[in-house]
């Protein structure tokens, strides 16, 4: 079992930066690929970025390439999402998610993720 808790959301002006954290409990977290998704107001939850268990492979949504960076610290059981050059369209609830034990590849599909955090709100003002 893995429990995920996001933090670091808030209100920021366009062009600003935020760093989200995803703290995990459960010893298998470091062995699982994980990802960040977001749900803008009135829209479906969408893929943002994913990282494999070693941190050596990542996948980004086109909308965030060059602006967002995912990383993970297995020793701290924590994953991070550094968001730079934020835009109003980045406003959303951001969720971290973890794939199950035994999986190895990154994925952009919501259905591939077994564990989810409760989400943290990011609001970007224009």
N, C-alpha and C. Protein backbone atom coordinates (compact mmCIF):
# COMPACT_ATOMS: atom_id res chain seq x y z
N UNK A 1 0.85 -1.19 0.00
CA UNK A 1 0.00 0.00 0.00
C UNK A 1 0.89 1.24 0.00
N UNK A 2 0.54 2.23 -0.79
CA UNK A 2 1.26 3.50 -0.87
C UNK A 2 0.28 4.63 -0.63
N UNK A 3 0.64 5.53 0.25
CA UNK A 3 -0.16 6.73 0.47
C UNK A 3 0.65 7.94 0.02
N UNK A 4 0.00 8.84 -0.71
CA UNK A 4 0.67 9.99 -1.29
C UNK A 4 0.03 11.28 -0.79
N UNK A 5 0.88 12.25 -0.44
CA UNK A 5 0.39 13.54 0.04
C UNK A 5 1.13 14.65 -0.71
N UNK A 6 0.38 15.44 -1.46
CA UNK A 6 0.96 16.55 -2.20
C UNK A 6 0.98 17.81 -1.34
N UNK A 7 1.94 18.67 -1.64
CA UNK A 7 2.02 19.98 -0.98
C UNK A 7 2.73 20.93 -1.92
N UNK A 8 2.66 22.22 -1.58
CA UNK A 8 3.39 23.22 -2.34
C UNK A 8 2.56 24.04 -3.30
N UNK A 9 1.28 23.72 -3.40
CA UNK A 9 0.43 24.50 -4.27
C UNK A 9 0.18 25.90 -3.71
N UNK A 10 -0.44 26.74 -4.52
CA UNK A 10 -0.74 28.09 -4.06
C UNK A 10 -1.10 28.99 -5.20
N UNK A 11 -1.10 30.28 -4.91
CA UNK A 11 -1.43 31.31 -5.89
C UNK A 11 -0.14 31.99 -6.34
N UNK A 12 0.04 32.10 -7.64
CA UNK A 12 1.25 32.71 -8.18
C UNK A 12 0.88 33.52 -9.42
N UNK A 13 1.63 34.55 -9.69
CA UNK A 13 1.40 35.35 -10.89
C UNK A 13 1.98 34.65 -12.11
N UNK A 14 1.44 34.97 -13.26
CA UNK A 14 1.96 34.41 -14.51
C UNK A 14 3.44 34.74 -14.63
N UNK A 15 4.20 33.74 -15.06
CA UNK A 15 5.65 33.89 -15.16
C UNK A 15 6.39 33.42 -13.92
N UNK A 16 5.66 33.18 -12.85
CA UNK A 16 6.28 32.75 -11.60
C UNK A 16 6.54 31.26 -11.56
N UNK A 17 6.99 30.81 -10.38
CA UNK A 17 7.37 29.41 -10.19
C UNK A 17 6.76 28.85 -8.92
N UNK A 18 6.55 27.56 -8.93
CA UNK A 18 6.15 26.81 -7.76
C UNK A 18 6.84 25.45 -7.79
N UNK A 19 7.04 24.88 -6.61
CA UNK A 19 7.58 23.53 -6.52
C UNK A 19 6.63 22.67 -5.72
N UNK A 20 6.08 21.69 -6.35
CA UNK A 20 5.19 20.75 -5.68
C UNK A 20 5.99 19.57 -5.15
N UNK A 21 5.56 19.07 -4.02
CA UNK A 21 6.16 17.87 -3.44
C UNK A 21 5.10 16.79 -3.29
N UNK A 22 5.53 15.56 -3.37
CA UNK A 22 4.65 14.41 -3.18
C UNK A 22 5.36 13.46 -2.23
N UNK A 23 4.91 13.45 -1.00
CA UNK A 23 5.51 12.60 0.03
C UNK A 23 4.78 11.28 0.09
N UNK A 24 5.54 10.21 0.04
CA UNK A 24 4.94 8.88 0.00
C UNK A 24 5.26 8.09 1.25
N UNK A 25 4.30 7.32 1.67
CA UNK A 25 4.53 6.33 2.72
C UNK A 25 4.37 4.96 2.10
N UNK A 26 5.10 4.01 2.60
CA UNK A 26 5.05 2.70 1.97
C UNK A 26 6.39 2.40 1.32
N UNK A 27 6.97 1.32 1.64
CA UNK A 27 8.34 1.03 1.25
C UNK A 27 8.50 0.74 -0.23
N UNK A 28 7.41 0.52 -0.93
CA UNK A 28 7.54 0.17 -2.34
C UNK A 28 7.56 1.39 -3.25
N UNK A 29 7.38 2.59 -2.69
CA UNK A 29 7.28 3.77 -3.53
C UNK A 29 8.49 3.93 -4.42
N UNK A 30 9.68 3.73 -3.85
CA UNK A 30 10.89 3.96 -4.61
C UNK A 30 11.03 2.98 -5.77
N UNK A 31 10.26 1.92 -5.77
CA UNK A 31 10.32 0.94 -6.84
C UNK A 31 9.29 1.18 -7.92
N UNK A 32 8.46 2.20 -7.76
CA UNK A 32 7.35 2.40 -8.66
C UNK A 32 7.55 3.63 -9.53
N UNK A 33 7.25 3.51 -10.83
CA UNK A 33 7.17 4.73 -11.64
C UNK A 33 6.05 5.61 -11.07
N UNK A 34 6.20 6.91 -11.21
CA UNK A 34 5.14 7.79 -10.72
C UNK A 34 4.92 8.95 -11.68
N UNK A 35 3.83 9.64 -11.47
CA UNK A 35 3.50 10.72 -12.37
C UNK A 35 2.75 11.84 -11.69
N UNK A 36 2.65 12.93 -12.39
CA UNK A 36 1.82 14.07 -11.98
C UNK A 36 0.73 14.26 -13.03
N UNK A 37 -0.48 14.47 -12.56
CA UNK A 37 -1.62 14.80 -13.39
C UNK A 37 -2.23 16.09 -12.87
N UNK A 38 -3.08 16.69 -13.67
CA UNK A 38 -3.78 17.89 -13.21
C UNK A 38 -5.20 17.92 -13.75
N UNK A 39 -6.06 18.60 -13.01
CA UNK A 39 -7.45 18.74 -13.43
C UNK A 39 -7.83 20.21 -13.41
N UNK A 40 -7.86 20.84 -14.58
CA UNK A 40 -8.29 22.24 -14.65
C UNK A 40 -9.77 22.36 -14.30
N UNK A 41 -10.23 23.53 -13.94
CA UNK A 41 -11.64 23.71 -13.59
C UNK A 41 -12.55 23.30 -14.74
N UNK A 42 -13.50 22.43 -14.46
CA UNK A 42 -14.47 22.03 -15.45
C UNK A 42 -13.97 21.09 -16.52
N UNK A 43 -12.76 20.58 -16.33
CA UNK A 43 -12.18 19.71 -17.36
C UNK A 43 -11.78 18.35 -16.78
N UNK A 44 -11.41 17.44 -17.66
CA UNK A 44 -10.97 16.13 -17.24
C UNK A 44 -9.54 16.20 -16.69
N UNK A 45 -9.23 15.22 -15.86
CA UNK A 45 -7.87 15.11 -15.36
C UNK A 45 -6.94 14.74 -16.51
N UNK A 46 -5.80 15.41 -16.59
CA UNK A 46 -4.90 15.20 -17.71
C UNK A 46 -3.48 14.93 -17.25
N UNK A 47 -2.75 14.25 -18.09
CA UNK A 47 -1.36 13.89 -17.80
C UNK A 47 -0.47 15.12 -17.88
N UNK A 48 0.50 15.19 -16.97
CA UNK A 48 1.48 16.27 -16.98
C UNK A 48 2.88 15.71 -17.23
N UNK A 49 3.31 14.78 -16.39
CA UNK A 49 4.67 14.26 -16.50
C UNK A 49 4.77 12.96 -15.72
N UNK A 50 5.70 12.10 -16.14
CA UNK A 50 5.93 10.85 -15.44
C UNK A 50 7.42 10.56 -15.39
N UNK A 51 7.82 9.75 -14.41
CA UNK A 51 9.22 9.40 -14.22
C UNK A 51 9.32 7.94 -13.82
N UNK A 52 10.37 7.26 -14.29
CA UNK A 52 10.51 5.86 -13.93
C UNK A 52 11.13 5.75 -12.54
N UNK A 53 11.30 4.53 -12.09
CA UNK A 53 11.72 4.34 -10.71
C UNK A 53 13.15 4.79 -10.45
N UNK A 54 13.99 4.79 -11.47
CA UNK A 54 15.37 5.22 -11.28
C UNK A 54 15.55 6.71 -11.48
N UNK A 55 14.56 7.34 -12.09
CA UNK A 55 14.68 8.76 -12.42
C UNK A 55 15.36 9.00 -13.75
N UNK A 56 15.72 7.92 -14.43
CA UNK A 56 16.46 8.07 -15.67
C UNK A 56 15.60 8.27 -16.90
N UNK A 57 14.34 8.01 -16.79
CA UNK A 57 13.43 8.15 -17.92
C UNK A 57 12.24 8.99 -17.51
N UNK A 58 11.93 9.97 -18.33
CA UNK A 58 10.80 10.86 -18.05
C UNK A 58 9.97 11.04 -19.32
N UNK A 59 8.75 11.48 -19.09
CA UNK A 59 7.86 11.78 -20.22
C UNK A 59 7.04 13.00 -19.83
N UNK A 60 6.96 13.97 -20.73
CA UNK A 60 6.26 15.22 -20.44
C UNK A 60 5.13 15.45 -21.44
N UNK A 61 4.07 16.04 -20.97
CA UNK A 61 3.05 16.55 -21.87
C UNK A 61 3.64 17.71 -22.66
N UNK A 62 3.23 17.86 -23.92
CA UNK A 62 3.77 18.92 -24.75
C UNK A 62 3.55 20.30 -24.13
N UNK A 63 2.46 20.45 -23.44
CA UNK A 63 2.10 21.76 -22.89
C UNK A 63 3.05 22.23 -21.79
N UNK A 64 3.82 21.33 -21.21
CA UNK A 64 4.70 21.72 -20.10
C UNK A 64 6.18 21.51 -20.40
N UNK A 65 6.49 20.97 -21.55
CA UNK A 65 7.90 20.73 -21.91
C UNK A 65 8.69 22.03 -21.87
N UNK A 66 9.85 21.95 -21.26
CA UNK A 66 10.71 23.11 -21.16
C UNK A 66 10.38 24.04 -20.01
N UNK A 67 9.25 23.80 -19.34
CA UNK A 67 8.85 24.66 -18.21
C UNK A 67 8.79 23.89 -16.90
N UNK A 68 8.37 22.63 -16.97
CA UNK A 68 8.22 21.81 -15.77
C UNK A 68 9.32 20.75 -15.73
N UNK A 69 9.74 20.40 -14.52
CA UNK A 69 10.74 19.35 -14.34
C UNK A 69 10.33 18.44 -13.20
N UNK A 70 10.32 17.16 -13.48
CA UNK A 70 10.00 16.16 -12.45
C UNK A 70 11.30 15.57 -11.91
N UNK A 71 11.29 15.25 -10.64
CA UNK A 71 12.43 14.58 -10.03
C UNK A 71 11.93 13.75 -8.86
N UNK A 72 12.80 12.90 -8.36
CA UNK A 72 12.42 12.10 -7.20
C UNK A 72 13.64 11.83 -6.34
N UNK A 73 13.40 11.70 -5.06
CA UNK A 73 14.45 11.39 -4.09
C UNK A 73 13.99 10.13 -3.37
N UNK A 74 14.51 9.01 -3.78
CA UNK A 74 14.04 7.74 -3.21
C UNK A 74 14.37 7.63 -1.73
N UNK A 75 15.49 8.22 -1.33
CA UNK A 75 15.86 8.16 0.10
C UNK A 75 14.84 8.87 0.96
N UNK A 76 14.22 9.91 0.43
CA UNK A 76 13.22 10.67 1.17
C UNK A 76 11.81 10.23 0.81
N UNK A 77 11.67 9.26 -0.09
CA UNK A 77 10.34 8.83 -0.53
C UNK A 77 9.49 10.00 -1.01
N UNK A 78 10.11 10.88 -1.76
CA UNK A 78 9.43 12.10 -2.18
C UNK A 78 9.71 12.36 -3.66
N UNK A 79 8.68 12.83 -4.34
CA UNK A 79 8.81 13.26 -5.72
C UNK A 79 8.50 14.75 -5.80
N UNK A 80 9.04 15.40 -6.80
CA UNK A 80 8.90 16.85 -6.92
C UNK A 80 8.47 17.22 -8.33
N UNK A 81 7.79 18.35 -8.40
CA UNK A 81 7.46 18.93 -9.69
C UNK A 81 7.82 20.41 -9.63
N UNK A 82 8.89 20.77 -10.31
CA UNK A 82 9.30 22.17 -10.40
C UNK A 82 8.59 22.79 -11.59
N UNK A 83 7.83 23.84 -11.33
CA UNK A 83 7.05 24.48 -12.38
C UNK A 83 7.53 25.92 -12.54
N UNK A 84 8.06 26.22 -13.69
CA UNK A 84 8.54 27.56 -14.02
C UNK A 84 7.73 28.17 -15.14
N UNK A 85 7.85 29.47 -15.28
CA UNK A 85 7.14 30.19 -16.37
C UNK A 85 5.67 29.81 -16.39
N UNK A 86 5.05 29.84 -15.24
CA UNK A 86 3.66 29.42 -15.13
C UNK A 86 2.73 30.34 -15.91
N UNK A 87 1.67 29.74 -16.42
CA UNK A 87 0.68 30.44 -17.23
C UNK A 87 -0.69 30.27 -16.59
N UNK A 88 -1.61 31.16 -16.88
CA UNK A 88 -2.97 31.00 -16.33
C UNK A 88 -3.59 29.65 -16.69
N UNK A 89 -3.26 29.11 -17.84
CA UNK A 89 -3.82 27.83 -18.24
C UNK A 89 -3.23 26.65 -17.46
N UNK A 90 -2.22 26.90 -16.64
CA UNK A 90 -1.70 25.85 -15.76
C UNK A 90 -2.53 25.73 -14.48
N UNK A 91 -3.49 26.62 -14.30
CA UNK A 91 -4.35 26.56 -13.12
C UNK A 91 -5.11 25.24 -13.09
N UNK A 92 -4.98 24.53 -11.98
CA UNK A 92 -5.59 23.21 -11.86
C UNK A 92 -5.32 22.65 -10.47
N UNK A 93 -6.02 21.58 -10.15
CA UNK A 93 -5.63 20.76 -9.01
C UNK A 93 -4.61 19.75 -9.52
N UNK A 94 -3.47 19.69 -8.86
CA UNK A 94 -2.40 18.81 -9.28
C UNK A 94 -2.36 17.58 -8.37
N UNK A 95 -2.28 16.42 -9.01
CA UNK A 95 -2.26 15.14 -8.30
C UNK A 95 -0.98 14.38 -8.60
N UNK A 96 -0.39 13.78 -7.60
CA UNK A 96 0.67 12.82 -7.88
C UNK A 96 0.08 11.42 -7.80
N UNK A 97 0.69 10.52 -8.52
CA UNK A 97 0.19 9.16 -8.61
C UNK A 97 1.35 8.20 -8.74
N UNK A 98 1.13 6.99 -8.28
CA UNK A 98 2.17 5.97 -8.33
C UNK A 98 1.64 4.72 -9.01
N UNK A 99 2.47 4.13 -9.83
CA UNK A 99 2.11 2.84 -10.41
C UNK A 99 2.36 1.75 -9.38
N UNK A 100 1.90 0.57 -9.68
CA UNK A 100 2.00 -0.53 -8.74
C UNK A 100 3.35 -1.21 -8.77
N UNK A 101 3.58 -2.02 -7.75
CA UNK A 101 4.82 -2.76 -7.62
C UNK A 101 5.00 -3.69 -8.81
N UNK A 102 6.20 -3.72 -9.34
CA UNK A 102 6.47 -4.61 -10.46
C UNK A 102 6.42 -3.92 -11.81
N UNK A 103 5.86 -2.70 -11.85
CA UNK A 103 5.84 -1.96 -13.11
C UNK A 103 7.14 -1.18 -13.26
N UNK A 104 7.53 -0.96 -14.50
CA UNK A 104 8.83 -0.33 -14.71
C UNK A 104 8.81 0.88 -15.63
N UNK A 105 7.83 0.99 -16.50
CA UNK A 105 7.88 2.04 -17.50
C UNK A 105 7.01 3.23 -17.12
N UNK A 106 7.35 4.38 -17.66
CA UNK A 106 6.52 5.56 -17.45
C UNK A 106 5.25 5.43 -18.29
N UNK A 107 4.22 6.08 -17.87
CA UNK A 107 2.94 6.02 -18.56
C UNK A 107 2.21 7.33 -18.45
N UNK A 108 1.46 7.68 -19.49
CA UNK A 108 0.62 8.87 -19.48
C UNK A 108 -0.85 8.53 -19.24
N UNK A 109 -1.14 7.27 -19.02
CA UNK A 109 -2.54 6.84 -18.87
C UNK A 109 -2.94 6.81 -17.40
N UNK A 110 -4.03 7.47 -17.12
CA UNK A 110 -4.53 7.50 -15.74
C UNK A 110 -4.78 6.09 -15.21
N UNK A 111 -5.28 5.24 -16.07
CA UNK A 111 -5.66 3.89 -15.62
C UNK A 111 -4.46 3.03 -15.23
N UNK A 112 -3.25 3.47 -15.59
CA UNK A 112 -2.05 2.72 -15.23
C UNK A 112 -1.57 3.01 -13.82
N UNK A 113 -2.18 3.97 -13.17
CA UNK A 113 -1.73 4.39 -11.84
C UNK A 113 -2.66 3.82 -10.77
N UNK A 114 -2.03 3.26 -9.78
CA UNK A 114 -2.79 2.55 -8.75
C UNK A 114 -3.08 3.42 -7.53
N UNK A 115 -2.14 4.29 -7.18
CA UNK A 115 -2.28 5.11 -5.98
C UNK A 115 -2.30 6.59 -6.36
N UNK A 116 -3.14 7.35 -5.66
CA UNK A 116 -3.31 8.77 -5.95
C UNK A 116 -3.29 9.57 -4.66
N UNK A 117 -2.74 10.80 -4.77
CA UNK A 117 -2.83 11.73 -3.65
C UNK A 117 -4.15 12.47 -3.70
N UNK A 118 -4.34 13.36 -2.73
CA UNK A 118 -5.60 14.09 -2.62
C UNK A 118 -5.62 15.35 -3.48
N UNK A 119 -4.45 15.75 -3.97
CA UNK A 119 -4.39 16.92 -4.84
C UNK A 119 -4.01 18.19 -4.11
N UNK A 120 -3.39 19.11 -4.85
CA UNK A 120 -3.06 20.43 -4.32
C UNK A 120 -3.40 21.46 -5.39
N UNK A 121 -4.00 22.56 -4.96
CA UNK A 121 -4.48 23.57 -5.91
C UNK A 121 -3.34 24.49 -6.33
N UNK A 122 -3.24 24.70 -7.62
CA UNK A 122 -2.32 25.69 -8.19
C UNK A 122 -3.15 26.69 -8.98
N UNK A 123 -3.01 27.95 -8.63
CA UNK A 123 -3.74 29.00 -9.31
C UNK A 123 -2.74 30.02 -9.84
N UNK A 124 -2.81 30.27 -11.14
CA UNK A 124 -1.90 31.22 -11.78
C UNK A 124 -2.73 32.41 -12.26
N UNK A 125 -2.44 33.58 -11.73
CA UNK A 125 -3.17 34.78 -12.11
C UNK A 125 -2.47 35.50 -13.26
N UNK A 126 -3.27 36.14 -14.07
CA UNK A 126 -2.71 36.85 -15.25
C UNK A 126 -2.33 38.27 -14.91
